[in-house]
Protein backbone atom coordinates (compact mmCIF):
# COMPACT_ATOMS: atom_id res chain seq x y z
CA UNK A 1 44.98 34.26 -23.91
CA UNK A 2 46.66 32.23 -21.11
CA UNK A 3 44.72 29.43 -19.43
CA UNK A 4 44.25 31.07 -16.05
CA UNK A 5 43.19 29.03 -13.06
CA UNK A 6 40.95 29.89 -10.14
CA UNK A 7 39.98 28.16 -6.86
CA UNK A 8 36.51 27.85 -8.37
CA UNK A 9 37.81 26.38 -11.64
CA UNK A 10 41.08 24.62 -10.70
CA UNK A 11 41.16 22.48 -13.82
CA UNK A 12 41.16 25.12 -16.45
CA UNK A 13 40.04 28.47 -17.91
CA UNK A 14 37.81 30.74 -15.84
CA UNK A 15 34.34 30.76 -17.36
CA UNK A 16 34.16 34.49 -17.96
CA UNK A 17 37.38 34.42 -19.99
CA UNK A 18 35.77 32.39 -22.81
CA UNK A 19 35.27 34.41 -25.95
CA UNK A 20 31.76 34.64 -27.36
CA UNK A 21 32.87 32.76 -30.47
CA UNK A 22 34.34 29.92 -28.37
CA UNK A 23 31.23 29.71 -26.18
CA UNK A 24 28.94 29.47 -29.22
CA UNK A 25 31.18 26.83 -30.77
CA UNK A 26 31.06 24.63 -27.67
CA UNK A 27 27.30 25.08 -27.16
CA UNK A 28 26.61 24.26 -30.81
CA UNK A 29 28.70 21.12 -30.64
CA UNK A 30 26.75 19.97 -27.56
CA UNK A 31 23.40 20.50 -29.25
CA UNK A 32 24.63 18.62 -32.29
CA UNK A 33 25.70 15.64 -30.19
CA UNK A 34 22.23 15.49 -28.59
CA UNK A 35 20.64 15.39 -32.04
CA UNK A 36 23.10 12.73 -33.23
CA UNK A 37 22.37 10.56 -30.19
CA UNK A 38 18.63 10.69 -30.85
CA UNK A 39 19.16 9.88 -34.52
CA UNK A 40 21.38 6.89 -33.71
CA UNK A 41 18.91 5.65 -31.08
CA UNK A 42 16.06 5.73 -33.62
CA UNK A 43 18.17 3.60 -36.00
CA UNK A 44 19.22 1.16 -33.25
CA UNK A 45 22.91 2.07 -33.59
CA UNK A 46 23.66 2.81 -29.93
CA UNK A 47 25.37 0.23 -27.78
CA UNK A 48 23.09 -1.62 -25.35
CA UNK A 49 23.10 -0.25 -21.82
CA UNK A 50 22.60 -2.08 -18.56
CA UNK A 51 19.18 -3.47 -17.74
CA UNK A 52 18.70 -1.29 -14.66
CA UNK A 53 19.47 1.87 -16.59
CA UNK A 54 17.62 1.39 -19.87
CA UNK A 55 15.39 -1.67 -19.66
CA UNK A 56 13.47 -1.59 -16.38
CA UNK A 57 11.28 -4.56 -15.57
CA UNK A 58 7.77 -4.03 -16.95
CA UNK A 59 6.19 -7.48 -16.90
CA UNK A 60 4.11 -9.16 -14.21
CA UNK A 61 5.82 -12.51 -14.71
CA UNK A 62 6.81 -13.96 -11.31
CA UNK A 63 10.37 -13.21 -10.24
CA UNK A 64 12.46 -14.51 -7.35
CA UNK A 65 13.11 -12.27 -4.37
CA UNK A 66 16.44 -11.56 -2.75
CA UNK A 67 16.08 -14.49 -0.34
CA UNK A 68 13.48 -17.20 0.48
CA UNK A 69 10.17 -15.59 1.42
CA UNK A 70 7.74 -16.41 4.19
CA UNK A 71 4.84 -14.67 2.41
CA UNK A 72 3.69 -15.03 -1.18
CA UNK A 73 0.90 -12.46 -1.03
CA UNK A 74 -0.49 -9.60 1.07
CA UNK A 75 -4.00 -8.63 2.15
CA UNK A 76 -3.94 -5.15 3.67
CA UNK A 77 -7.14 -4.30 5.57
CA UNK A 78 -7.05 -0.51 5.53
CA UNK A 79 -9.21 1.12 8.20
CA UNK A 80 -9.45 4.57 6.63
CA UNK A 81 -10.11 7.42 9.04
CA UNK A 82 -7.89 6.09 11.84
CA UNK A 83 -9.22 3.80 14.58
CA UNK A 84 -8.22 4.54 18.18
CA UNK A 85 -5.71 2.11 19.70
CA UNK A 86 -6.66 2.92 23.29
CA UNK A 87 -10.28 2.05 22.46
CA UNK A 88 -9.56 -1.11 20.46
CA UNK A 89 -6.42 -3.08 21.44
CA UNK A 90 -4.31 -1.01 23.84
CA UNK A 91 -6.20 -0.04 27.02
CA UNK A 92 -4.51 2.45 29.34
CA UNK A 93 -5.36 2.13 33.07
CA UNK A 94 -3.80 5.53 33.71
CA UNK A 95 -6.23 7.08 31.22
CA UNK A 96 -9.09 5.59 33.23
CA UNK A 97 -7.67 7.02 36.47
CA UNK A 98 -7.14 10.49 35.02
CA UNK A 99 -10.44 10.69 33.15
CA UNK A 100 -11.55 14.34 33.11
CA UNK A 101 -8.12 15.75 34.00
CA UNK A 102 -6.85 18.65 31.91
CA UNK A 103 -3.61 18.56 29.90
CA UNK A 104 -1.70 20.85 27.55
CA UNK A 105 -2.30 18.52 24.54
CA UNK A 106 -3.77 20.49 21.65
CA UNK A 107 -6.40 19.15 19.24
CA UNK A 108 -5.78 19.37 15.51
CA UNK A 109 -9.31 20.60 14.73
CA UNK A 110 -9.77 22.60 17.93
CA UNK A 111 -12.23 22.15 20.81
CA UNK A 112 -9.81 20.11 22.94
CA UNK A 113 -11.24 18.70 26.11
CA UNK A 114 -9.83 16.82 29.11
CA UNK A 115 -8.48 13.30 29.09
CA UNK A 116 -11.20 10.79 28.21
CA UNK A 117 -11.27 7.13 29.20
CA UNK A 118 -12.48 4.53 26.71
CA UNK A 119 -16.24 4.01 26.55
CA UNK A 120 -15.63 0.30 25.91
CA UNK A 121 -14.75 -2.55 28.21
CA UNK A 122 -11.75 -4.80 27.61
CA UNK A 123 -10.95 -8.46 28.14
CA UNK A 124 -7.87 -10.62 27.69
CA UNK A 125 -8.00 -13.32 25.02
CA UNK A 126 -5.97 -16.28 23.86
CA UNK A 127 -2.98 -17.95 25.46
CA UNK A 128 -1.07 -14.71 24.97
CA UNK A 129 -3.59 -12.71 27.02
CA UNK A 130 -3.88 -9.85 24.54
CA UNK A 131 -6.39 -7.13 25.40
CA UNK A 132 -9.27 -6.49 22.97
CA UNK A 133 -12.36 -4.31 23.39
CA UNK A 134 -15.79 -5.90 23.69
CA UNK A 135 -16.83 -4.60 20.25
CA UNK A 136 -14.24 -6.77 18.47
CA UNK A 137 -15.00 -10.09 20.14
CA UNK A 138 -14.78 -12.15 16.93
CA UNK A 139 -11.41 -10.75 15.92
CA UNK A 140 -10.30 -11.30 19.53
CA UNK A 141 -10.43 -15.07 19.03
CA UNK A 142 -7.45 -14.76 16.67
CA UNK A 143 -5.02 -12.76 18.84
CA UNK A 144 -2.60 -15.68 19.08
CA UNK A 145 -2.06 -15.32 15.32
CA UNK A 146 -1.33 -11.58 15.54
CA UNK A 147 1.65 -9.36 16.26
CA UNK A 148 0.53 -6.01 17.68
CA UNK A 149 2.77 -3.07 16.79
CA UNK A 150 1.75 -0.46 19.35
CA UNK A 151 4.34 2.28 18.85
CA UNK A 152 3.80 3.47 15.27
CA UNK A 153 4.27 7.11 14.38
CA UNK A 154 4.06 9.18 11.20
CA UNK A 155 4.55 12.77 10.06
CA UNK A 156 1.16 14.27 9.22
CA UNK A 157 -2.00 14.82 11.25
CA UNK A 158 -4.10 15.34 8.11
CA UNK A 159 -5.81 12.39 6.45
CA UNK A 160 -4.64 12.80 2.86
CA UNK A 161 -0.87 13.15 3.40
CA UNK A 162 -1.04 10.54 6.16
CA UNK A 163 -2.71 8.04 3.82
CA UNK A 164 -0.13 8.85 1.15
CA UNK A 165 2.64 8.15 3.67
CA UNK A 166 1.24 4.88 4.99
CA UNK A 167 0.88 3.71 1.38
CA UNK A 168 4.04 5.09 -0.24
CA UNK A 169 6.36 6.07 2.62
CA UNK A 170 6.11 9.80 1.85
CA UNK A 171 3.36 12.26 2.81
CA UNK A 172 2.89 13.66 -0.68
CA UNK A 173 1.49 12.26 -3.93
CA UNK A 174 3.34 10.93 -6.94
CA UNK A 175 5.45 8.17 -5.39
CA UNK A 176 5.06 4.40 -5.89
CA UNK A 177 2.92 2.70 -3.27
CA UNK A 178 3.84 -0.46 -1.39
CA UNK A 179 1.75 -2.68 -3.67
CA UNK A 180 3.45 -1.22 -6.75
CA UNK A 181 6.92 -1.81 -5.27
CA UNK A 182 6.02 -5.40 -4.37
CA UNK A 183 4.71 -6.28 -7.84
CA UNK A 184 7.70 -4.50 -9.41
CA UNK A 185 9.99 -6.68 -7.32
CA UNK A 186 8.17 -10.00 -7.53
CA UNK A 187 5.64 -9.89 -10.35
CA UNK A 188 2.50 -11.95 -9.87
CA UNK A 189 1.51 -15.62 -9.96
CA UNK A 190 -1.53 -15.00 -12.20
CA UNK A 191 -1.05 -13.38 -15.60
CA UNK A 192 -4.80 -13.07 -16.21
CA UNK A 193 -5.37 -10.64 -13.35
CA UNK A 194 -3.54 -7.51 -12.18
CA UNK A 195 -0.82 -8.17 -9.63
CA UNK A 196 -2.06 -5.37 -7.36
CA UNK A 197 -5.80 -4.97 -6.76
CA UNK A 198 -7.63 -2.44 -4.60
CA UNK A 199 -11.12 -3.01 -3.21
CA UNK A 200 -12.18 0.55 -2.48
CA UNK A 201 -14.70 2.00 -0.08
CA UNK A 202 -18.18 3.26 -0.84
CA UNK A 203 -17.39 6.98 -0.55
CA UNK A 204 -14.02 6.99 -2.33
CA UNK A 205 -10.66 7.11 -0.58
CA UNK A 206 -9.28 10.48 0.47
CA UNK A 207 -6.47 11.40 -1.90
CA UNK A 208 -7.89 9.28 -4.73
CA UNK A 209 -5.89 7.01 -7.05
CA UNK A 210 -2.54 8.29 -5.78
CA UNK A 211 -3.13 5.89 -2.88
CA UNK A 212 -2.52 2.92 -5.18
CA UNK A 213 -0.46 4.58 -7.91
CA UNK A 214 2.83 3.41 -9.38
CA UNK A 215 4.42 6.87 -9.33
CA UNK A 216 7.54 6.79 -11.50
CA UNK A 217 7.52 2.99 -11.75
CA UNK A 218 6.10 1.53 -14.96
CA UNK A 219 2.30 1.77 -14.89
CA UNK A 220 2.08 -2.04 -15.12
CA UNK A 221 2.55 -2.09 -11.36
CA UNK A 222 -0.13 0.38 -10.32
CA UNK A 223 -3.14 -0.85 -8.36
CA UNK A 224 -6.32 -1.71 -10.24
CA UNK A 225 -9.52 -0.61 -8.52
CA UNK A 226 -12.10 -3.41 -8.45
CA UNK A 227 -15.78 -3.04 -7.70
CA UNK A 228 -17.22 -5.54 -5.22
CA UNK A 229 -20.29 -6.30 -7.32
CA UNK A 230 -21.05 -6.77 -11.02
CA UNK A 231 -18.30 -6.20 -13.56
CA UNK A 232 -15.12 -5.65 -11.49
CA UNK A 233 -13.69 -3.05 -13.90
CA UNK A 234 -15.76 -0.65 -15.98
CA UNK A 235 -15.74 -1.20 -19.76
CA UNK A 236 -14.05 -4.57 -19.35
CA UNK A 237 -16.52 -6.71 -21.30
CA UNK A 238 -16.50 -7.01 -25.09
CA UNK A 239 -19.19 -5.25 -27.06
CA UNK A 240 -22.01 -7.70 -27.96
CA UNK A 241 -21.32 -7.53 -31.70
CA UNK A 242 -17.56 -8.16 -31.34
CA UNK A 243 -16.53 -11.81 -31.26
CA UNK A 244 -13.56 -13.23 -29.39
CA UNK A 245 -11.84 -13.94 -32.72
CA UNK A 246 -12.35 -10.37 -33.95
CA UNK A 247 -10.98 -8.89 -30.77
CA UNK A 248 -7.98 -11.22 -30.82
CA UNK A 249 -7.28 -10.23 -34.44
CA UNK A 250 -7.44 -6.53 -33.53
CA UNK A 251 -4.98 -7.02 -30.69
CA UNK A 252 -2.62 -9.07 -32.89
CA UNK A 253 -2.57 -6.30 -35.50
CA UNK A 254 -1.94 -3.69 -32.81
CA UNK A 255 0.88 -5.84 -31.45
CA UNK A 256 2.58 -5.96 -34.87
CA UNK A 257 2.35 -2.18 -35.27
CA UNK A 258 3.50 -1.61 -31.69
CA UNK A 259 6.45 -3.98 -32.05
CA UNK A 260 7.61 -2.01 -35.07
CA UNK A 261 7.33 1.22 -33.06
CA UNK A 262 9.31 -0.27 -30.17
CA UNK A 263 12.09 -1.42 -32.48
CA UNK A 264 12.59 2.24 -33.37
CA UNK A 265 11.95 3.63 -29.88
CA UNK A 266 13.47 1.04 -27.58
CA UNK A 267 13.21 3.12 -24.42
CA UNK A 268 9.51 4.01 -24.67
CA UNK A 269 8.55 2.23 -21.45
CA UNK A 270 5.12 3.85 -21.22
CA UNK A 271 4.25 2.60 -24.68
CA UNK A 272 5.23 -0.94 -23.69
CA UNK A 273 3.07 -0.60 -20.58
CA UNK A 274 0.05 0.32 -22.68
CA UNK A 275 0.58 -2.73 -24.87
CA UNK A 276 0.62 -4.96 -21.80
CA UNK A 277 -2.50 -3.26 -20.44
CA UNK A 278 -4.44 -4.13 -23.59
CA UNK A 279 -3.38 -7.75 -23.36
CA UNK A 280 -4.15 -7.97 -19.65
CA UNK A 281 -7.62 -6.47 -20.15
CA UNK A 282 -8.29 -9.08 -22.85
CA UNK A 283 -7.25 -11.93 -20.55
CA UNK A 284 -9.21 -10.46 -17.62
CA UNK A 285 -12.55 -10.58 -19.43
CA UNK A 286 -13.17 -14.12 -18.29
CA UNK A 287 -11.22 -14.62 -15.09
CA UNK A 288 -11.90 -11.26 -13.41
CA UNK A 289 -15.64 -11.73 -13.75
CA UNK A 290 -15.43 -15.21 -12.24
CA UNK A 291 -13.22 -14.22 -9.31
CA UNK A 292 -15.74 -11.62 -8.08
CA UNK A 293 -18.72 -13.95 -8.50
CA UNK A 294 -19.37 -14.65 -4.83
CA UNK A 295 -22.42 -16.76 -5.71
CA UNK A 296 -19.93 -19.56 -6.35
CA UNK A 297 -19.30 -19.70 -2.59
CA UNK A 298 -21.49 -21.62 -0.15
CA UNK A 299 -24.02 -20.05 2.21
CA UNK A 300 -21.82 -21.17 5.11
CA UNK A 301 -18.93 -19.17 3.68
CA UNK A 302 -21.17 -16.13 3.23
CA UNK A 303 -22.20 -16.40 6.87
CA UNK A 304 -18.58 -16.81 7.96
CA UNK A 305 -17.76 -13.41 6.38
CA UNK A 306 -20.94 -11.71 7.61
CA UNK A 307 -22.35 -11.28 4.11
CA UNK A 308 -25.75 -12.40 5.39
CA UNK A 309 -25.86 -9.40 7.76
CA UNK A 310 -26.59 -5.94 6.27
CA UNK A 311 -24.20 -4.31 8.78
CA UNK A 312 -21.19 -6.30 7.56
CA UNK A 313 -22.28 -7.31 4.05
CA UNK A 314 -20.17 -4.79 2.13
CA UNK A 315 -16.88 -5.28 3.95
CA UNK A 316 -17.49 -9.02 4.23
CA UNK A 317 -17.91 -9.26 0.46
CA UNK A 318 -14.60 -7.48 -0.06
CA UNK A 319 -12.79 -9.70 2.45
CA UNK A 320 -14.13 -12.82 0.72
CA UNK A 321 -13.11 -11.40 -2.64
CA UNK A 322 -9.63 -10.71 -1.25
CA UNK A 323 -9.32 -14.39 -0.28
CA UNK A 324 -10.45 -15.44 -3.76
CA UNK A 325 -7.91 -13.07 -5.35
CA UNK A 326 -4.88 -14.30 -3.40
CA UNK A 327 -6.08 -17.87 -3.95
CA UNK A 328 -6.01 -17.05 -7.68
CA UNK A 329 -2.40 -15.84 -7.45
CA UNK A 330 -2.80 -12.07 -7.06
CA UNK A 331 0.21 -10.70 -5.23
CA UNK A 332 -1.13 -7.68 -3.32
CA UNK A 333 -4.74 -6.87 -2.33
CA UNK A 334 -5.73 -3.78 -0.38
CA UNK A 335 -9.21 -3.68 1.17
CA UNK A 336 -10.60 -0.32 2.29
CA UNK A 337 -13.25 -0.23 5.02
CA UNK A 338 -16.44 1.66 4.18
CA UNK A 339 -17.04 5.04 5.78
CA UNK A 340 -14.41 6.49 8.08
CA UNK A 341 -13.21 5.75 11.59
CA UNK A 342 -12.93 9.53 11.97
CA UNK A 343 -14.48 9.98 15.40
CA UNK A 344 -14.32 13.72 16.09
CA UNK A 345 -17.74 14.04 17.68
CA UNK A 346 -18.85 10.69 19.10
CA UNK A 347 -16.20 7.99 19.30
CA UNK A 348 -18.48 5.42 20.91
CA UNK A 349 -21.07 5.61 18.13
CA UNK A 350 -18.48 5.79 15.34
CA UNK A 351 -16.34 2.86 16.50
CA UNK A 352 -19.35 0.72 17.42
CA UNK A 353 -20.65 1.14 13.87
CA UNK A 354 -17.32 0.26 12.24
CA UNK A 355 -16.72 -2.68 14.55
CA UNK A 356 -20.09 -4.12 13.53
CA UNK A 357 -19.09 -3.67 9.89
CA UNK A 358 -15.63 -5.26 10.16
CA UNK A 359 -15.44 -7.59 13.18
CA UNK A 360 -17.08 -10.68 11.66
CA UNK A 361 -15.50 -10.21 8.18
CA UNK A 362 -11.95 -9.86 9.52
CA UNK A 363 -12.38 -12.89 11.79
CA UNK A 364 -13.93 -14.83 8.92
CA UNK A 365 -11.03 -13.97 6.63
CA UNK A 366 -8.45 -15.24 9.15
CA UNK A 367 -10.49 -18.40 9.78
CA UNK A 368 -10.94 -19.09 6.08
CA UNK A 369 -7.31 -18.45 5.16
CA UNK A 370 -6.16 -20.83 7.88
CA UNK A 371 -8.66 -23.53 6.90
CA UNK A 372 -7.50 -23.40 3.28
CA UNK A 373 -3.80 -23.44 4.14
CA UNK A 374 -3.37 -19.90 2.82
CA UNK A 375 -2.51 -18.13 6.07
CA UNK A 376 0.98 -19.65 6.01
CA UNK A 377 1.69 -17.83 2.74
CA UNK A 378 -0.45 -14.69 3.14
CA UNK A 379 0.48 -11.65 5.22
CA UNK A 380 -2.60 -9.90 6.66
CA UNK A 381 -2.23 -6.28 7.85
CA UNK A 382 -4.82 -4.24 9.78
CA UNK A 383 -4.66 -0.53 10.60
CA UNK A 384 -5.30 3.06 9.59
CA UNK A 385 -3.26 6.10 8.63
CA UNK A 386 -2.68 7.36 12.20
CA UNK A 387 -4.30 7.14 15.63
CA UNK A 388 -6.46 9.26 17.90
CA UNK A 389 -5.81 11.55 20.86
CA UNK A 390 -6.25 10.51 24.51
CA UNK A 391 -8.10 13.79 25.14
CA UNK A 392 -11.72 14.34 24.24
CA UNK A 393 -12.91 16.56 21.41
CA UNK A 394 -16.35 18.11 21.11
CA UNK A 395 -17.30 16.33 24.30
CA UNK A 396 -17.21 12.65 23.23
CA UNK A 397 -14.87 12.43 20.24
CA UNK A 398 -11.11 12.14 19.67
CA UNK A 399 -8.91 14.10 17.26
CA UNK A 400 -6.11 12.86 14.95
CA UNK A 401 -2.86 11.64 16.48
CA UNK A 402 0.20 10.74 14.35
CA UNK A 403 2.49 10.55 17.39
CA UNK A 404 1.32 7.13 18.56
CA UNK A 405 -0.89 4.50 16.90
CA UNK A 406 -0.94 0.79 16.19
CA UNK A 407 -1.15 -1.79 13.44
CA UNK A 408 -1.30 -5.56 13.63
CA UNK A 409 0.00 -8.23 11.31
CA UNK A 410 -0.91 -11.90 11.08
CA UNK A 411 -0.08 -14.86 8.90
CA UNK A 412 3.03 -15.71 6.93
CA UNK A 413 6.23 -15.27 8.93
CA UNK A 414 4.56 -13.49 11.86
CA UNK A 415 5.07 -14.56 15.46
CA UNK A 416 1.56 -14.63 16.88
CA UNK A 417 0.46 -13.39 20.28
CA UNK A 418 3.19 -10.76 20.70
CA UNK A 419 3.21 -7.00 21.26
CA UNK A 420 6.00 -4.69 20.18
CA UNK A 421 6.54 -1.13 21.35
CA UNK A 422 4.49 1.07 23.64
CA UNK A 423 2.98 4.51 23.79
CA UNK A 424 3.12 6.52 27.02
CA UNK A 425 0.80 5.86 29.96
CA UNK A 426 -2.11 7.73 28.36
CA UNK A 427 -1.55 6.56 24.76
CA UNK A 428 -0.40 9.88 23.30
CA UNK A 429 3.13 9.30 22.03
CA UNK A 430 5.32 6.32 21.09
CA UNK A 431 8.02 6.03 23.77
CA UNK A 432 9.25 2.41 23.70
CA UNK A 433 10.68 1.03 20.43
CA UNK A 434 9.09 3.64 18.13
CA UNK A 435 8.16 2.24 14.70
CA UNK A 436 8.17 4.49 11.64
CA UNK A 437 6.24 3.91 8.43
CA UNK A 438 9.59 3.05 6.83
CA UNK A 439 10.02 0.28 9.43
CA UNK A 440 6.57 -1.12 8.62
CA UNK A 441 7.39 -1.17 4.92
CA UNK A 442 10.82 -2.73 5.48
CA UNK A 443 9.16 -5.51 7.48
CA UNK A 444 6.51 -6.16 4.81
CA UNK A 445 9.16 -6.40 2.10
CA UNK A 446 11.32 -8.67 4.26
CA UNK A 447 8.46 -11.14 4.74
CA UNK A 448 8.06 -11.22 0.95
CA UNK A 449 11.74 -12.05 0.47
CA UNK A 450 12.79 -8.55 -0.56
CA UNK A 451 15.61 -6.57 1.04
CA UNK A 452 14.27 -3.04 1.29
CA UNK A 453 17.66 -1.41 0.62
CA UNK A 454 18.13 -3.41 -2.60
CA UNK A 455 14.66 -2.92 -4.11
CA UNK A 456 15.42 0.29 -6.03
CA UNK A 457 14.44 2.15 -9.19
CA UNK A 458 16.58 4.78 -10.91
CA UNK A 459 14.63 7.99 -11.45
CA UNK A 460 15.60 11.65 -11.86
CA UNK A 461 19.28 11.00 -11.30
CA UNK A 462 19.14 8.77 -8.25
CA UNK A 463 17.94 5.39 -7.03
CA UNK A 464 14.67 5.46 -5.10
CA UNK A 465 13.21 2.85 -2.80
CA UNK A 466 9.99 2.37 -0.82
CA UNK A 467 11.78 3.07 2.47
CA UNK A 468 13.62 6.14 1.11
CA UNK A 469 16.81 6.42 3.22
CA UNK A 470 15.47 4.85 6.42
CA UNK A 471 13.68 1.77 7.69
CA UNK A 472 14.60 -1.32 9.66
CA UNK A 473 12.94 -4.72 9.83
CA UNK A 474 11.03 -5.34 13.08
CA UNK A 475 12.68 -8.68 13.75
CA UNK A 476 11.02 -9.07 17.17
CA UNK A 477 7.64 -9.85 15.55
CA UNK A 478 8.97 -12.41 13.07
CA UNK A 479 8.51 -16.14 13.57
């Protein structure tokens, strides 16, 4: 039969002209080649491939970035539930003037009311004259260290996808989070602790462990959830009847068996990750317990973080632990505030409560990092998953608002006392220099010496990155 051509198949025979015998022959040959490749791989007979394709990085050993870094570590103070910018750091005189006026802005959860001015008073602080509400007076003393990013926006007005996006860049689960990307790119300075540690809140974060997951990256880089009191990780300690020598012997035997398995299955990355997890857990048994032992700190330090006050004890303990972790060489620490800044019914009561819980601890953390010389190498981030509406809800509350919110950064590589971007005159929508979540992530990576377009991982046929196909560094806030 002649080899006919078609516009759809310009290089050869039209598919429907293949005989059944020929089709079966070709299909059988393909299946055989797949089987042969697996057999040769098991016997180590295949040629070595490139590192990026077949041997992805799985260790936490420290690695150089793409260029000299300003920051060595990150402490991300995550205010879950979404604090209101216009009630905290970004007062709007026009909102005061138009208090009670109606608009066509719709509330996410219904019951929209008129525009509502802030129940708090504001004052300018520092040489930079930044505005801060009266409920955050301790944090206000540090405004000259901070860069306020007042024009953030994201995609979702629901907590769970919004938290996923602020952590991973995408509003759905299953993708590597920022801490996982950072430890994948740089490793960690301390091999006896995880490189990425999460200090969770008392009620459990919305969306669960996906918020600190490694997605398709090797599981070595996922966040490890620490408790703020007692044993930091459940089931970490050895059983009383098992000696150190016995446990070490067990792990050594497992390592021999696992090495033999890996020689036959060289691309079993998940298996290698499990081996490293066993070793890390063994090394953590001593150091992890010590790093969370806050009794080793002085009473003055406890007071600095508000641990002596029941209102701020929990968050203060986590902030102090975050300092101890980065001081010990942990690369990325995320600290979740307790409860939620989710002020649908009574913003004044909600934000007053959370300011009491976080004001002294956050100020204490910045003071302590600076006193110890750690602020020059530690990037501190503060913010939630989105913002809140300028209109009232249920009388005295505010609904979710992904169209305009703010974050601030302080520490390594940050130009203090500056503001970048603006929302409109009532604080509803970013209108001047809008900043996407991709831009935030690109800036974080840049400060750590990582070029966001080069930090990639090949998965499912393409190279992925934290910033997906977008993102630009906010150079105006860099020192």
